[in-house]
Amino acid sequence: MNKSVLFLGLVMMLALVVGCSETKESSSTLTGGVVADFNPEPVKDNQTTKISLVQDQIHYIDVNGKNGIEPKELKVKISDKIRFANKDPANKDMEITMQLDGTRKFITTPVVKPNAYTEYFFAEAGNYTYWTVGYGIKAKIEVVN
C-alpha cells in the first residue's frame, strides 16, 4: 500500500512539473501569418460602414496546378500580403508549403479550394522557396525589410 501511495505521489508531482514548465517555440516554424481574407466585406455597425484607410500592398500569385506558378520569382517587403489563388484547371484543392532557405523552418497554408485564395505575410526577411503540396512545382519569394 505504501509503494502505491508513493508511486501515485510521484506521478502527481511529475504532472505538476510538466504542466507548469515553460514551453519554447519550435525553431521549425516561420514567423508571419495567414490572413483570413477570403471574402472581404465592409464591417457594418449601427448602420455605419467602417473602411480601413491603410492600404496594404498585395502581391498576386496564381497557382495553376501542374501548369506551374506565376510569377516564378517575387520580391516583397516584410508584412506585404501575398495572395495565393488556386487556379488549378483540374479543380483540385491545394496547399502551399514555404521554407526559409538554408533552414528547417516551414509553413504550410490551409487547404485552398478551387477558384479561392489564401493570403500570407512574412515577418522575417530572407529568401523563401515554396511549392504546391500536390504537384511539387517550386517558386521563390525574396522578403526584404
Foldseek 3Di string as FASTA:
>chain_A
DVVVVVVVVVVVVVCVCVVPDDDDDDPQAFDWDWDPPFDDDFDDDPNDTDDDPDDAAEAEKEQADLVAIPPQEEEEEAPHKYKYADQHPVFDWWKKKKDFPPDNHIDIDDIAGHRTIIIIGHRDFGKMWMAIPVNRHIGIYGYHD
